[in-house]
Amino acid sequence: MLALLHTSQAHVLTFDRLRGEVAPTLTLYHIVAEHLLDEARRRGVPAVADQVTQQVQLAAEAGARAVLCTCSTIGALAESAAAAAGIPVLRVDRPMAAAAVEAGTRITVLAALATTLAPTSSLIEQEAARAGRAVEVRAQVICGAWDRFEAGDLDGYLDRVTAALAAVTDADVIVLAQASMAPAAERGATAIPVLASPRLGLRAAAAL
């Protein structure tokens, strides 16, 4: 059993669908804790460290063999909780970051939420250092996108992400910082390779 720690209910259906394609025999145990993202945005990411650790420990107690954290904002906190829980913990965007480093040196990060910019950029730099490669990371927030997501306007949200993708012209690869942005990668808005985290993250977590 793989536990998935979400901060949005919207991810449950996404990963259930991907499970059928990536690892059909895997049992998924979804934990939705929307308050963690709300508090991280309001009080700062470190403020929710203990709560994230508690959620990972609860997943282990429920019988999970590993945890996949699908929230980029709290991903680093989740990975840090692995030792306390005694099971592997993977942040969903780590495999994506490694793939981005493999794809080229000019990496553009697009985010719908400002709190994911620093964690995602830092993660890419970590993977670049691990691979012994020098990269240039450019990061930007898509204005108004997260407001659409919070309002439940998924089409409007993805329209803004798609427009931002089309505006990038000087990158070797584009990284979508939120798992919820993944459908925009399939819209063909740019000839530049676009990486999204859900499929890559679930495949890597299933291997754990």
N, C-alpha and C. Protein backbone atom coordinates (compact mmCIF):
# COMPACT_ATOMS: atom_id res chain seq x y z
N MET A 1 0.84 -1.20 0.00
CA MET A 1 0.00 0.00 0.00
C MET A 1 0.88 1.24 0.00
N LEU A 2 0.54 2.18 -0.87
CA LEU A 2 1.21 3.47 -0.95
C LEU A 2 0.26 4.54 -0.45
N ALA A 3 0.70 5.34 0.53
CA ALA A 3 -0.09 6.47 1.01
C ALA A 3 0.27 7.70 0.20
N LEU A 4 -0.73 8.49 -0.10
CA LEU A 4 -0.53 9.76 -0.79
C LEU A 4 -1.02 10.88 0.10
N LEU A 5 -0.14 11.83 0.38
CA LEU A 5 -0.49 12.98 1.21
C LEU A 5 -0.80 14.16 0.30
N HIS A 6 -2.07 14.55 0.27
CA HIS A 6 -2.53 15.64 -0.59
C HIS A 6 -2.92 16.86 0.24
N THR A 7 -2.86 18.04 -0.40
CA THR A 7 -3.45 19.22 0.22
C THR A 7 -4.59 19.74 -0.65
N SER A 8 -5.05 18.92 -1.59
CA SER A 8 -6.23 19.24 -2.39
C SER A 8 -6.96 17.95 -2.73
N GLN A 9 -8.27 17.95 -2.55
CA GLN A 9 -9.10 16.80 -2.88
C GLN A 9 -9.02 16.46 -4.38
N ALA A 10 -8.70 17.46 -5.19
CA ALA A 10 -8.67 17.26 -6.64
C ALA A 10 -7.65 16.21 -7.08
N HIS A 11 -6.63 15.99 -6.25
CA HIS A 11 -5.57 15.05 -6.65
C HIS A 11 -6.00 13.59 -6.52
N VAL A 12 -7.03 13.31 -5.76
CA VAL A 12 -7.42 11.92 -5.53
C VAL A 12 -7.79 11.23 -6.84
N LEU A 13 -8.65 11.84 -7.62
CA LEU A 13 -9.06 11.25 -8.89
C LEU A 13 -7.89 11.17 -9.87
N THR A 14 -7.04 12.19 -9.86
CA THR A 14 -5.88 12.19 -10.76
C THR A 14 -5.00 10.98 -10.53
N PHE A 15 -4.69 10.71 -9.27
CA PHE A 15 -3.77 9.62 -8.97
C PHE A 15 -4.45 8.25 -9.04
N ASP A 16 -5.74 8.22 -8.77
CA ASP A 16 -6.46 6.95 -8.97
C ASP A 16 -6.43 6.57 -10.46
N ARG A 17 -6.61 7.55 -11.32
CA ARG A 17 -6.57 7.28 -12.77
C ARG A 17 -5.17 6.84 -13.20
N LEU A 18 -4.16 7.53 -12.72
CA LEU A 18 -2.79 7.18 -13.09
C LEU A 18 -2.40 5.81 -12.55
N ARG A 19 -2.91 5.45 -11.38
CA ARG A 19 -2.59 4.15 -10.80
C ARG A 19 -2.96 3.04 -11.77
N GLY A 20 -4.10 3.18 -12.45
CA GLY A 20 -4.52 2.18 -13.41
C GLY A 20 -3.57 2.04 -14.58
N GLU A 21 -2.85 3.10 -14.90
CA GLU A 21 -1.90 3.07 -16.01
C GLU A 21 -0.49 2.69 -15.57
N VAL A 22 -0.09 3.16 -14.40
CA VAL A 22 1.29 3.01 -13.96
C VAL A 22 1.52 1.77 -13.11
N ALA A 23 0.61 1.50 -12.17
CA ALA A 23 0.80 0.39 -11.22
C ALA A 23 -0.56 -0.15 -10.81
N PRO A 24 -1.24 -0.88 -11.69
CA PRO A 24 -2.63 -1.30 -11.43
C PRO A 24 -2.82 -2.21 -10.22
N THR A 25 -1.77 -2.88 -9.76
CA THR A 25 -1.92 -3.76 -8.60
C THR A 25 -1.65 -3.04 -7.29
N LEU A 26 -1.27 -1.79 -7.35
CA LEU A 26 -0.92 -1.03 -6.15
C LEU A 26 -2.16 -0.49 -5.46
N THR A 27 -2.21 -0.63 -4.15
CA THR A 27 -3.29 -0.05 -3.36
C THR A 27 -2.89 1.35 -2.91
N LEU A 28 -3.77 2.33 -3.17
CA LEU A 28 -3.51 3.70 -2.77
C LEU A 28 -4.35 4.07 -1.55
N TYR A 29 -3.71 4.75 -0.60
CA TYR A 29 -4.38 5.22 0.61
C TYR A 29 -4.25 6.74 0.61
N HIS A 30 -5.35 7.43 0.34
CA HIS A 30 -5.31 8.88 0.20
C HIS A 30 -5.52 9.58 1.54
N ILE A 31 -4.65 10.55 1.82
CA ILE A 31 -4.80 11.42 2.98
C ILE A 31 -4.93 12.84 2.43
N VAL A 32 -6.07 13.47 2.67
CA VAL A 32 -6.29 14.84 2.20
C VAL A 32 -6.27 15.77 3.40
N ALA A 33 -5.28 16.65 3.43
CA ALA A 33 -5.11 17.59 4.56
C ALA A 33 -4.96 19.00 4.00
N GLU A 34 -6.07 19.56 3.55
CA GLU A 34 -6.03 20.87 2.90
C GLU A 34 -5.54 21.96 3.84
N HIS A 35 -5.76 21.77 5.12
CA HIS A 35 -5.36 22.81 6.08
C HIS A 35 -3.86 23.02 6.13
N LEU A 36 -3.09 22.00 5.74
CA LEU A 36 -1.63 22.14 5.79
C LEU A 36 -1.14 23.22 4.83
N LEU A 37 -1.70 23.24 3.62
CA LEU A 37 -1.32 24.27 2.66
C LEU A 37 -1.83 25.64 3.10
N ASP A 38 -3.04 25.67 3.61
CA ASP A 38 -3.60 26.94 4.08
C ASP A 38 -2.72 27.55 5.17
N GLU A 39 -2.32 26.71 6.12
CA GLU A 39 -1.49 27.21 7.23
C GLU A 39 -0.08 27.56 6.76
N ALA A 40 0.46 26.78 5.82
CA ALA A 40 1.80 27.08 5.30
C ALA A 40 1.82 28.43 4.59
N ARG A 41 0.75 28.73 3.89
CA ARG A 41 0.68 30.02 3.19
C ARG A 41 0.51 31.17 4.19
N ARG A 42 -0.25 30.92 5.24
CA ARG A 42 -0.55 31.98 6.20
C ARG A 42 0.57 32.20 7.21
N ARG A 43 1.17 31.10 7.68
CA ARG A 43 2.15 31.19 8.78
C ARG A 43 3.58 30.89 8.35
N GLY A 44 3.76 30.42 7.13
CA GLY A 44 5.09 30.02 6.69
C GLY A 44 5.22 28.50 6.72
N VAL A 45 5.98 27.96 5.79
CA VAL A 45 6.08 26.50 5.66
C VAL A 45 6.61 25.82 6.92
N PRO A 46 7.66 26.34 7.57
CA PRO A 46 8.18 25.65 8.76
C PRO A 46 7.13 25.46 9.87
N ALA A 47 6.11 26.30 9.89
CA ALA A 47 5.11 26.24 10.95
C ALA A 47 4.30 24.96 10.94
N VAL A 48 4.26 24.26 9.80
CA VAL A 48 3.45 23.04 9.72
C VAL A 48 4.30 21.77 9.76
N ALA A 49 5.57 21.90 10.11
CA ALA A 49 6.48 20.75 10.10
C ALA A 49 5.97 19.61 10.99
N ASP A 50 5.56 19.93 12.20
CA ASP A 50 5.10 18.88 13.12
C ASP A 50 3.84 18.20 12.60
N GLN A 51 2.95 18.97 12.01
CA GLN A 51 1.72 18.39 11.49
C GLN A 51 1.98 17.47 10.30
N VAL A 52 2.93 17.85 9.46
CA VAL A 52 3.28 17.00 8.32
C VAL A 52 3.88 15.69 8.82
N THR A 53 4.77 15.78 9.80
CA THR A 53 5.36 14.57 10.38
C THR A 53 4.28 13.66 10.95
N GLN A 54 3.31 14.25 11.61
CA GLN A 54 2.22 13.47 12.20
C GLN A 54 1.43 12.73 11.11
N GLN A 55 1.17 13.40 9.99
CA GLN A 55 0.42 12.76 8.90
C GLN A 55 1.20 11.59 8.31
N VAL A 56 2.51 11.76 8.15
CA VAL A 56 3.35 10.68 7.62
C VAL A 56 3.38 9.50 8.59
N GLN A 57 3.47 9.79 9.88
CA GLN A 57 3.46 8.72 10.88
C GLN A 57 2.12 7.98 10.89
N LEU A 58 1.03 8.70 10.72
CA LEU A 58 -0.29 8.07 10.67
C LEU A 58 -0.39 7.15 9.45
N ALA A 59 0.21 7.55 8.35
CA ALA A 59 0.21 6.71 7.15
C ALA A 59 0.95 5.40 7.41
N ALA A 60 2.08 5.50 8.11
CA ALA A 60 2.84 4.30 8.44
C ALA A 60 2.04 3.39 9.37
N GLU A 61 1.37 3.99 10.35
CA GLU A 61 0.56 3.20 11.28
C GLU A 61 -0.62 2.52 10.57
N ALA A 62 -1.07 3.11 9.47
CA ALA A 62 -2.18 2.54 8.71
C ALA A 62 -1.73 1.38 7.81
N GLY A 63 -0.41 1.18 7.74
CA GLY A 63 0.10 0.06 6.96
C GLY A 63 0.76 0.42 5.65
N ALA A 64 0.95 1.70 5.40
CA ALA A 64 1.60 2.12 4.16
C ALA A 64 3.06 1.69 4.15
N ARG A 65 3.53 1.24 3.00
CA ARG A 65 4.94 0.86 2.84
C ARG A 65 5.79 2.05 2.42
N ALA A 66 5.14 3.10 1.92
CA ALA A 66 5.82 4.32 1.50
C ALA A 66 4.78 5.43 1.41
N VAL A 67 5.25 6.68 1.35
CA VAL A 67 4.37 7.84 1.25
C VAL A 67 4.83 8.69 0.07
N LEU A 68 3.87 9.15 -0.72
CA LEU A 68 4.13 10.11 -1.79
C LEU A 68 3.41 11.40 -1.42
N CYS A 69 4.17 12.47 -1.25
CA CYS A 69 3.57 13.78 -0.94
C CYS A 69 3.34 14.51 -2.25
N THR A 70 2.09 14.83 -2.55
CA THR A 70 1.75 15.45 -3.83
C THR A 70 1.74 16.97 -3.78
N CYS A 71 2.04 17.56 -2.64
CA CYS A 71 2.07 19.01 -2.50
C CYS A 71 3.50 19.52 -2.55
N SER A 72 3.80 20.37 -3.53
CA SER A 72 5.17 20.88 -3.68
C SER A 72 5.58 21.79 -2.53
N THR A 73 4.63 22.50 -1.95
CA THR A 73 4.96 23.43 -0.87
C THR A 73 5.49 22.72 0.36
N ILE A 74 4.89 21.58 0.74
CA ILE A 74 5.30 20.87 1.96
C ILE A 74 6.13 19.63 1.66
N GLY A 75 6.53 19.45 0.42
CA GLY A 75 7.25 18.23 0.03
C GLY A 75 8.53 17.99 0.81
N ALA A 76 9.31 19.03 1.02
CA ALA A 76 10.57 18.87 1.75
C ALA A 76 10.30 18.45 3.20
N LEU A 77 9.26 19.00 3.81
CA LEU A 77 8.90 18.62 5.18
C LEU A 77 8.51 17.14 5.23
N ALA A 78 7.78 16.69 4.23
CA ALA A 78 7.35 15.30 4.20
C ALA A 78 8.54 14.36 4.09
N GLU A 79 9.48 14.69 3.22
CA GLU A 79 10.67 13.85 3.09
C GLU A 79 11.46 13.81 4.39
N SER A 80 11.50 14.92 5.09
CA SER A 80 12.23 14.98 6.36
C SER A 80 11.58 14.13 7.44
N ALA A 81 10.30 13.78 7.25
CA ALA A 81 9.57 12.99 8.24
C ALA A 81 9.79 11.50 8.08
N ALA A 82 10.53 11.10 7.05
CA ALA A 82 10.71 9.68 6.76
C ALA A 82 11.35 8.93 7.93
N ALA A 83 12.36 9.52 8.53
CA ALA A 83 13.08 8.83 9.61
C ALA A 83 12.15 8.58 10.80
N ALA A 84 11.32 9.58 11.13
CA ALA A 84 10.41 9.44 12.27
C ALA A 84 9.36 8.37 12.00
N ALA A 85 8.94 8.25 10.74
CA ALA A 85 7.88 7.30 10.40
C ALA A 85 8.42 5.89 10.12
N GLY A 86 9.68 5.81 9.76
CA GLY A 86 10.29 4.51 9.50
C GLY A 86 9.94 3.92 8.13
N ILE A 87 9.44 4.74 7.21
CA ILE A 87 9.14 4.28 5.85
C ILE A 87 9.64 5.34 4.86
N PRO A 88 9.89 4.95 3.61
CA PRO A 88 10.35 5.94 2.62
C PRO A 88 9.27 6.98 2.33
N VAL A 89 9.70 8.21 2.13
CA VAL A 89 8.80 9.29 1.75
C VAL A 89 9.39 10.01 0.54
N LEU A 90 8.57 10.19 -0.48
CA LEU A 90 9.03 10.84 -1.71
C LEU A 90 8.14 12.02 -2.01
N ARG A 91 8.72 13.15 -2.33
CA ARG A 91 7.93 14.28 -2.79
C ARG A 91 7.69 14.11 -4.28
N VAL A 92 6.50 14.40 -4.73
CA VAL A 92 6.06 14.05 -6.08
C VAL A 92 6.91 14.70 -7.16
N ASP A 93 7.50 15.86 -6.86
CA ASP A 93 8.24 16.58 -7.88
C ASP A 93 9.73 16.24 -7.95
N ARG A 94 10.23 15.37 -7.08
CA ARG A 94 11.66 15.03 -7.14
C ARG A 94 12.00 14.29 -8.44
N PRO A 95 11.25 13.26 -8.84
CA PRO A 95 11.57 12.61 -10.12
C PRO A 95 11.47 13.58 -11.30
N MET A 96 10.53 14.51 -11.24
CA MET A 96 10.41 15.53 -12.28
C MET A 96 11.64 16.43 -12.33
N ALA A 97 12.14 16.81 -11.17
CA ALA A 97 13.33 17.65 -11.10
C ALA A 97 14.53 16.93 -11.70
N ALA A 98 14.66 15.65 -11.41
CA ALA A 98 15.77 14.86 -11.97
C ALA A 98 15.64 14.77 -13.49
N ALA A 99 14.41 14.61 -13.97
CA ALA A 99 14.19 14.53 -15.42
C ALA A 99 14.49 15.87 -16.08
N ALA A 100 14.19 16.96 -15.41
CA ALA A 100 14.47 18.29 -15.96
C ALA A 100 15.97 18.51 -16.13
N VAL A 101 16.74 18.08 -15.14
CA VAL A 101 18.20 18.23 -15.20
C VAL A 101 18.77 17.41 -16.36
N GLU A 102 18.17 16.26 -16.60
CA GLU A 102 18.60 15.43 -17.72
C GLU A 102 18.26 16.08 -19.06
N ALA A 103 17.18 16.86 -19.08
CA ALA A 103 16.67 17.40 -20.35
C ALA A 103 17.44 18.61 -20.87
N GLY A 104 18.09 19.35 -19.99
CA GLY A 104 18.82 20.53 -20.47
C GLY A 104 19.29 21.41 -19.34
N THR A 105 19.99 22.48 -19.70
CA THR A 105 20.58 23.37 -18.69
C THR A 105 19.71 24.59 -18.40
N ARG A 106 18.86 24.98 -19.36
CA ARG A 106 17.99 26.15 -19.15
C ARG A 106 16.60 25.64 -18.77
N ILE A 107 16.29 25.79 -17.50
CA ILE A 107 15.05 25.23 -16.96
C ILE A 107 14.14 26.35 -16.46
N THR A 108 12.94 26.40 -17.00
CA THR A 108 11.94 27.38 -16.56
C THR A 108 10.90 26.69 -15.69
N VAL A 109 10.68 27.23 -14.51
CA VAL A 109 9.67 26.71 -13.59
C VAL A 109 8.46 27.64 -13.62
N LEU A 110 7.30 27.07 -13.91
CA LEU A 110 6.06 27.83 -13.85
C LEU A 110 5.26 27.34 -12.64
N ALA A 111 4.79 28.28 -11.84
CA ALA A 111 4.03 27.93 -10.64
C ALA A 111 2.75 28.73 -10.58
N ALA A 112 1.71 28.10 -10.09
CA ALA A 112 0.45 28.81 -9.86
C ALA A 112 0.41 29.42 -8.46
N LEU A 113 1.27 28.94 -7.59
CA LEU A 113 1.28 29.35 -6.18
C LEU A 113 2.69 29.76 -5.80
N ALA A 114 2.84 30.95 -5.26
CA ALA A 114 4.16 31.51 -4.98
C ALA A 114 4.97 30.66 -4.00
N THR A 115 4.31 29.98 -3.07
CA THR A 115 5.03 29.22 -2.05
C THR A 115 5.76 28.01 -2.64
N THR A 116 5.47 27.65 -3.89
CA THR A 116 6.17 26.51 -4.49
C THR A 116 7.40 26.91 -5.28
N LEU A 117 7.60 28.19 -5.52
CA LEU A 117 8.72 28.62 -6.36
C LEU A 117 10.07 28.23 -5.75
N ALA A 118 10.30 28.64 -4.51
CA ALA A 118 11.58 28.35 -3.88
C ALA A 118 11.79 26.85 -3.69
N PRO A 119 10.81 26.09 -3.16
CA PRO A 119 11.04 24.65 -3.00
C PRO A 119 11.33 23.93 -4.31
N THR A 120 10.62 24.27 -5.38
CA THR A 120 10.83 23.58 -6.65
C THR A 120 12.17 23.95 -7.25
N SER A 121 12.53 25.23 -7.21
CA SER A 121 13.83 25.66 -7.74
C SER A 121 14.96 25.02 -6.96
N SER A 122 14.83 24.98 -5.64
CA SER A 122 15.85 24.36 -4.79
C SER A 122 15.99 22.88 -5.10
N LEU A 123 14.87 22.22 -5.32
CA LEU A 123 14.90 20.79 -5.62
C LEU A 123 15.63 20.52 -6.93
N ILE A 124 15.38 21.35 -7.94
CA ILE A 124 16.08 21.18 -9.21
C ILE A 124 17.58 21.38 -9.03
N GLU A 125 17.95 22.36 -8.24
CA GLU A 125 19.37 22.61 -7.98
C GLU A 125 20.00 21.45 -7.22
N GLN A 126 19.25 20.84 -6.30
CA GLN A 126 19.75 19.65 -5.60
C GLN A 126 20.02 18.51 -6.58
N GLU A 127 19.06 18.27 -7.48
CA GLU A 127 19.21 17.19 -8.45
C GLU A 127 20.33 17.49 -9.44
N ALA A 128 20.52 18.76 -9.77
CA ALA A 128 21.63 19.14 -10.65
C ALA A 128 22.97 18.87 -9.98
N ALA A 129 23.05 19.21 -8.69
CA ALA A 129 24.29 18.95 -7.95
C ALA A 129 24.56 17.46 -7.84
N ARG A 130 23.50 16.68 -7.63
CA ARG A 130 23.63 15.23 -7.55
C ARG A 130 24.15 14.65 -8.88
N ALA A 131 23.69 15.25 -9.98
CA ALA A 131 24.09 14.76 -11.31
C ALA A 131 25.39 15.39 -11.79
N GLY A 132 25.91 16.36 -11.03
CA GLY A 132 27.15 17.02 -11.44
C GLY A 132 26.98 17.92 -12.64
N ARG A 133 25.82 18.58 -12.75
CA ARG A 133 25.52 19.42 -13.89
C ARG A 133 25.21 20.85 -13.45
N ALA A 134 25.59 21.81 -14.28
CA ALA A 134 25.27 23.21 -14.00
C ALA A 134 24.00 23.56 -14.75
N VAL A 135 23.05 24.17 -14.05
CA VAL A 135 21.79 24.55 -14.68
C VAL A 135 21.45 26.00 -14.34
N GLU A 136 20.64 26.59 -15.19
CA GLU A 136 20.09 27.92 -14.94
C GLU A 136 18.59 27.76 -14.75
N VAL A 137 18.12 28.10 -13.56
CA VAL A 137 16.71 27.94 -13.23
C VAL A 137 16.03 29.31 -13.20
N ARG A 138 15.00 29.45 -14.01
CA ARG A 138 14.18 30.67 -13.99
C ARG A 138 12.79 30.28 -13.52
N ALA A 139 12.25 31.05 -12.60
CA ALA A 139 10.95 30.69 -12.01
C ALA A 139 10.00 31.86 -12.06
N GLN A 140 8.74 31.58 -12.34
CA GLN A 140 7.74 32.64 -12.36
C GLN A 140 6.39 32.13 -11.90
N VAL A 141 5.63 33.02 -11.28
CA VAL A 141 4.26 32.73 -10.85
C VAL A 141 3.30 33.16 -11.95
N ILE A 142 2.32 32.33 -12.23
CA ILE A 142 1.32 32.65 -13.24
C ILE A 142 0.22 33.47 -12.57
N CYS A 143 0.17 34.72 -12.90
CA CYS A 143 -0.74 35.65 -12.24
C CYS A 143 -2.20 35.22 -12.40
N GLY A 144 -2.91 35.15 -11.27
CA GLY A 144 -4.33 34.86 -11.28
C GLY A 144 -4.71 33.41 -11.40
N ALA A 145 -3.73 32.52 -11.64
CA ALA A 145 -4.05 31.11 -11.86
C ALA A 145 -4.61 30.45 -10.60
N TRP A 146 -3.96 30.65 -9.47
CA TRP A 146 -4.40 29.96 -8.26
C TRP A 146 -5.77 30.45 -7.79
N ASP A 147 -6.07 31.70 -8.05
CA ASP A 147 -7.40 32.21 -7.72
C ASP A 147 -8.47 31.42 -8.46
N ARG A 148 -8.19 31.09 -9.71
CA ARG A 148 -9.14 30.30 -10.51
C ARG A 148 -9.28 28.89 -9.93
N PHE A 149 -8.15 28.31 -9.53
CA PHE A 149 -8.18 26.96 -8.96
C PHE A 149 -8.99 26.93 -7.68
N GLU A 150 -8.76 27.89 -6.81
CA GLU A 150 -9.49 27.94 -5.54
C GLU A 150 -10.98 28.20 -5.75
N ALA A 151 -11.32 28.87 -6.84
CA ALA A 151 -12.72 29.15 -7.13
C ALA A 151 -13.42 27.97 -7.79
N GLY A 152 -12.64 26.91 -8.06
CA GLY A 152 -13.22 25.73 -8.70
C GLY A 152 -13.32 25.84 -10.21
N ASP A 153 -12.71 26.86 -10.78
CA ASP A 153 -12.73 27.07 -12.23
C ASP A 153 -11.51 26.39 -12.84
N LEU A 154 -11.57 25.07 -13.00
CA LEU A 154 -10.42 24.33 -13.49
C LEU A 154 -10.07 24.71 -14.93
N ASP A 155 -11.08 24.95 -15.76
CA ASP A 155 -10.80 25.35 -17.15
C ASP A 155 -10.07 26.69 -17.20
N GLY A 156 -10.54 27.64 -16.40
CA GLY A 156 -9.88 28.94 -16.35
C GLY A 156 -8.46 28.83 -15.83
N TYR A 157 -8.28 27.99 -14.84
CA TYR A 157 -6.95 27.73 -14.27
C TYR A 157 -6.01 27.19 -15.33
N LEU A 158 -6.44 26.15 -16.04
CA LEU A 158 -5.59 25.53 -17.05
C LEU A 158 -5.38 26.45 -18.25
N ASP A 159 -6.35 27.30 -18.55
CA ASP A 159 -6.17 28.28 -19.63
C ASP A 159 -5.01 29.22 -19.30
N ARG A 160 -4.92 29.65 -18.05
CA ARG A 160 -3.84 30.55 -17.65
C ARG A 160 -2.48 29.83 -17.70
N VAL A 161 -2.47 28.58 -17.28
CA VAL A 161 -1.23 27.80 -17.34
C VAL A 161 -0.81 27.61 -18.79
N THR A 162 -1.76 27.29 -19.65
CA THR A 162 -1.47 27.08 -21.07
C THR A 162 -0.91 28.35 -21.70
N ALA A 163 -1.49 29.49 -21.38
CA ALA A 163 -0.99 30.76 -21.92
C ALA A 163 0.44 31.03 -21.46
N ALA A 164 0.73 30.70 -20.21
CA ALA A 164 2.08 30.90 -19.69
C ALA A 164 3.07 29.98 -20.39
N LEU A 165 2.64 28.76 -20.67
CA LEU A 165 3.51 27.82 -21.40
C LEU A 165 3.85 28.38 -22.77
N ALA A 166 2.86 28.90 -23.46
CA ALA A 166 3.06 29.42 -24.81
C ALA A 166 4.00 30.63 -24.82
N ALA A 167 4.09 31.33 -23.71
CA ALA A 167 4.92 32.54 -23.65
C ALA A 167 6.39 32.25 -23.40
N VAL A 168 6.73 31.03 -23.00
CA VAL A 168 8.13 30.67 -22.75
C VAL A 168 8.80 30.32 -24.07
N THR A 169 9.90 31.02 -24.38
CA THR A 169 10.57 30.78 -25.66
C THR A 169 12.06 30.43 -25.52
N ASP A 170 12.63 30.64 -24.35
CA ASP A 170 14.08 30.49 -24.22
C ASP A 170 14.46 29.48 -23.13
N ALA A 171 13.89 28.30 -23.20
CA ALA A 171 14.20 27.25 -22.22
C ALA A 171 14.41 25.92 -22.95
N ASP A 172 15.19 25.06 -22.32
CA ASP A 172 15.36 23.70 -22.83
C ASP A 172 14.23 22.80 -22.36
N VAL A 173 13.66 23.13 -21.22
CA VAL A 173 12.57 22.34 -20.65
C VAL A 173 11.78 23.23 -19.69
N ILE A 174 10.48 22.97 -19.61
CA ILE A 174 9.61 23.72 -18.69
C ILE A 174 9.09 22.75 -17.63
N VAL A 175 9.15 23.18 -16.39
CA VAL A 175 8.68 22.38 -15.26
C VAL A 175 7.42 23.02 -14.69
N LEU A 176 6.38 22.23 -14.53
CA LEU A 176 5.14 22.69 -13.90
C LEU A 176 5.20 22.37 -12.41
N ALA A 177 5.19 23.40 -11.59
CA ALA A 177 5.48 23.23 -10.17
C ALA A 177 4.37 22.55 -9.38
N GLN A 178 3.11 22.69 -9.83
CA GLN A 178 2.00 22.05 -9.11
C GLN A 178 1.50 20.83 -9.87
N ALA A 179 1.18 19.77 -9.13
CA ALA A 179 0.63 18.57 -9.76
C ALA A 179 -0.67 18.89 -10.50
N SER A 180 -1.42 19.86 -9.98
CA SER A 180 -2.70 20.21 -10.60
C SER A 180 -2.55 20.85 -11.97
N MET A 181 -1.35 21.27 -12.33
CA MET A 181 -1.09 21.91 -13.61
C MET A 181 -0.89 20.90 -14.74
N ALA A 182 -0.77 19.64 -14.40
CA ALA A 182 -0.38 18.61 -15.36
C ALA A 182 -1.22 18.57 -16.64
N PRO A 183 -2.56 18.71 -16.58
CA PRO A 183 -3.34 18.63 -17.82
C PRO A 183 -2.93 19.66 -18.87
N ALA A 184 -2.36 20.78 -18.44
CA ALA A 184 -1.94 21.81 -19.40
C ALA A 184 -0.78 21.33 -20.26
N ALA A 185 -0.01 20.38 -19.75
CA ALA A 185 1.13 19.86 -20.51
C ALA A 185 0.68 19.11 -21.75
N GLU A 186 -0.57 18.65 -21.76
CA GLU A 186 -1.08 17.86 -22.87
C GLU A 186 -1.79 18.71 -23.92
N ARG A 187 -1.77 20.01 -23.76
CA ARG A 187 -2.50 20.88 -24.68
C ARG A 187 -1.69 21.33 -25.89
N GLY A 188 -0.40 20.98 -25.94
CA GLY A 188 0.43 21.31 -27.09
C GLY A 188 0.65 22.80 -27.30
N ALA A 189 0.78 23.56 -26.21
CA ALA A 189 0.91 25.01 -26.31
C ALA A 189 2.32 25.44 -26.72
N THR A 190 3.29 24.55 -26.61
CA THR A 190 4.68 24.90 -26.90
C THR A 190 5.41 23.69 -27.44
N ALA A 191 6.46 23.97 -28.22
CA ALA A 191 7.31 22.90 -28.75
C ALA A 191 8.39 22.50 -27.74
N ILE A 192 8.54 23.29 -26.70
CA ILE A 192 9.52 22.99 -25.66
C ILE A 192 9.00 21.84 -24.79
N PRO A 193 9.84 20.86 -24.44
CA PRO A 193 9.38 19.78 -23.57
C PRO A 193 8.82 20.32 -22.25
N VAL A 194 7.69 19.77 -21.83
CA VAL A 194 7.04 20.19 -20.59
C VAL A 194 6.95 18.99 -19.65
N LEU A 195 7.40 19.17 -18.43
CA LEU A 195 7.38 18.10 -17.44
C LEU A 195 6.37 18.41 -16.34
N ALA A 196 5.55 17.41 -16.03
CA ALA A 196 4.60 17.50 -14.92
C ALA A 196 4.89 16.35 -13.96
N SER A 197 4.51 16.52 -12.71
CA SER A 197 4.96 15.60 -11.68
C SER A 197 4.14 14.34 -11.43
N PRO A 198 2.82 14.31 -11.66
CA PRO A 198 2.04 13.16 -11.19
C PRO A 198 2.50 11.80 -11.71
N ARG A 199 2.63 11.63 -13.00
CA ARG A 199 3.00 10.32 -13.55
C ARG A 199 4.40 9.90 -13.11
N LEU A 200 5.36 10.83 -13.23
CA LEU A 200 6.74 10.51 -12.85
C LEU A 200 6.82 10.20 -11.36
N GLY A 201 6.11 10.98 -10.55
CA GLY A 201 6.16 10.77 -9.11
C GLY A 201 5.53 9.46 -8.68
N LEU A 202 4.38 9.12 -9.27
CA LEU A 202 3.72 7.87 -8.89
C LEU A 202 4.53 6.67 -9.32
N ARG A 203 5.14 6.74 -10.50
CA ARG A 203 5.97 5.62 -10.96
C ARG A 203 7.14 5.38 -10.01
N ALA A 204 7.78 6.46 -9.59
CA ALA A 204 8.92 6.34 -8.68
C ALA A 204 8.49 5.84 -7.31
N ALA A 205 7.35 6.33 -6.83
CA ALA A 205 6.86 5.90 -5.52
C ALA A 205 6.45 4.44 -5.54
N ALA A 206 5.85 4.01 -6.64
CA ALA A 206 5.45 2.60 -6.75
C ALA A 206 6.68 1.70 -6.69
N ALA A 207 7.78 2.16 -7.24
CA ALA A 207 9.02 1.38 -7.22
C ALA A 207 9.57 1.23 -5.80
N LEU A 208 9.23 2.17 -4.92
CA LEU A 208 9.69 2.08 -3.53
C LEU A 208 9.04 0.91 -2.80
